[in-house]
Amino acid sequence: MIYLKSVLFGVGGAALAAVLWITVKFVLPMFVPYVVSRIMGTGGASGARITSDSIWIAALVGFTIAFAWEWLRLRTT
């Protein structure tokens, strides 16, 4: 049962890490220059590119950290 709970927690951690990675790597580089250009009153364009490889790596790291954290927490109790 500890492994099942840890895997489910790891899947949640993977999803959270992937969403966070997409936000940091894709949304912010497009949104921040837009806000700055609106404040300065200048025009401009911005772009961002993200590959699925980096999203998979972020999800794998998130899964590993969340799985280990939950497994160690459940094992000690």
Protein backbone atom coordinates (compact mmCIF):
# COMPACT_ATOMS: atom_id res chain seq x y z
CA MET A 1 0.00 0.00 0.00
CA ILE A 2 2.92 2.32 0.64
CA TYR A 3 4.10 1.91 -2.95
CA LEU A 4 0.64 2.59 -4.40
CA LYS A 5 0.25 5.78 -2.37
CA SER A 6 3.77 6.82 -3.32
CA VAL A 7 3.12 6.21 -7.02
CA LEU A 8 -0.09 8.23 -6.91
CA PHE A 9 1.68 11.02 -5.08
CA GLY A 10 4.48 10.80 -7.67
CA VAL A 11 2.01 11.13 -10.55
CA GLY A 12 0.61 14.25 -8.93
CA GLY A 13 4.12 15.60 -8.48
CA ALA A 14 4.91 14.88 -12.13
CA ALA A 15 1.81 16.75 -13.29
CA LEU A 16 2.60 19.69 -11.03
CA ALA A 17 6.23 19.82 -12.20
CA ALA A 18 5.18 19.70 -15.87
CA VAL A 19 2.66 22.52 -15.42
CA LEU A 20 5.21 24.59 -13.52
CA TRP A 21 7.84 23.99 -16.20
CA ILE A 22 5.46 25.00 -18.99
CA THR A 23 4.51 28.14 -17.09
CA VAL A 24 8.08 29.17 -16.43
CA LYS A 25 9.48 28.21 -19.82
CA PHE A 26 6.63 29.17 -22.14
CA VAL A 27 4.10 31.54 -20.64
CA LEU A 28 6.39 33.92 -18.74
CA PRO A 29 8.78 34.62 -21.67
CA MET A 30 5.76 35.61 -23.75
CA PHE A 31 3.86 37.53 -21.08
CA VAL A 32 6.63 39.58 -19.44
CA PRO A 33 7.79 41.39 -22.64
CA TYR A 34 4.14 42.15 -23.44
CA VAL A 35 3.62 43.75 -20.02
CA VAL A 36 6.87 45.72 -20.28
CA SER A 37 5.97 47.01 -23.75
CA ARG A 38 2.53 48.08 -22.49
CA ILE A 39 4.11 49.96 -19.57
CA MET A 40 6.75 51.64 -21.76
CA GLY A 41 4.26 52.43 -24.53
CA THR A 42 6.30 50.70 -27.22
CA GLY A 43 5.32 47.94 -29.58
CA GLY A 44 7.03 44.63 -29.92
CA ALA A 45 6.67 40.94 -30.21
CA SER A 46 7.91 37.98 -28.27
CA GLY A 47 8.00 34.29 -28.80
CA ALA A 48 8.72 31.15 -26.90
CA ARG A 49 9.43 27.58 -27.87
CA ILE A 50 9.28 24.50 -25.72
CA THR A 51 9.83 20.88 -26.68
CA SER A 52 8.18 17.81 -25.27
CA ASP A 53 11.59 16.48 -24.22
CA SER A 54 12.03 19.15 -21.58
CA ILE A 55 8.46 18.62 -20.34
CA TRP A 56 9.12 14.88 -19.97
CA ILE A 57 12.33 15.55 -18.06
CA ALA A 58 10.54 17.96 -15.72
CA ALA A 59 7.77 15.40 -15.16
CA LEU A 60 10.32 12.66 -14.48
CA VAL A 61 12.15 14.81 -11.96
CA GLY A 62 8.85 15.78 -10.33
CA PHE A 63 7.74 12.16 -10.14
CA THR A 64 11.03 11.03 -8.64
CA ILE A 65 11.08 13.71 -5.98
CA ALA A 66 7.41 13.30 -5.05
CA PHE A 67 7.63 9.49 -5.00
CA ALA A 68 10.73 9.49 -2.79
CA TRP A 69 9.30 12.12 -0.48
CA GLU A 70 6.00 10.26 0.05
CA TRP A 71 7.68 6.85 0.30
CA LEU A 72 10.09 8.04 2.97
CA ARG A 73 7.30 9.83 4.83
CA LEU A 74 5.04 6.77 4.85
CA ARG A 75 7.88 4.42 5.70
CA THR A 76 8.86 6.34 8.82
CA THR A 77 5.33 6.46 10.22
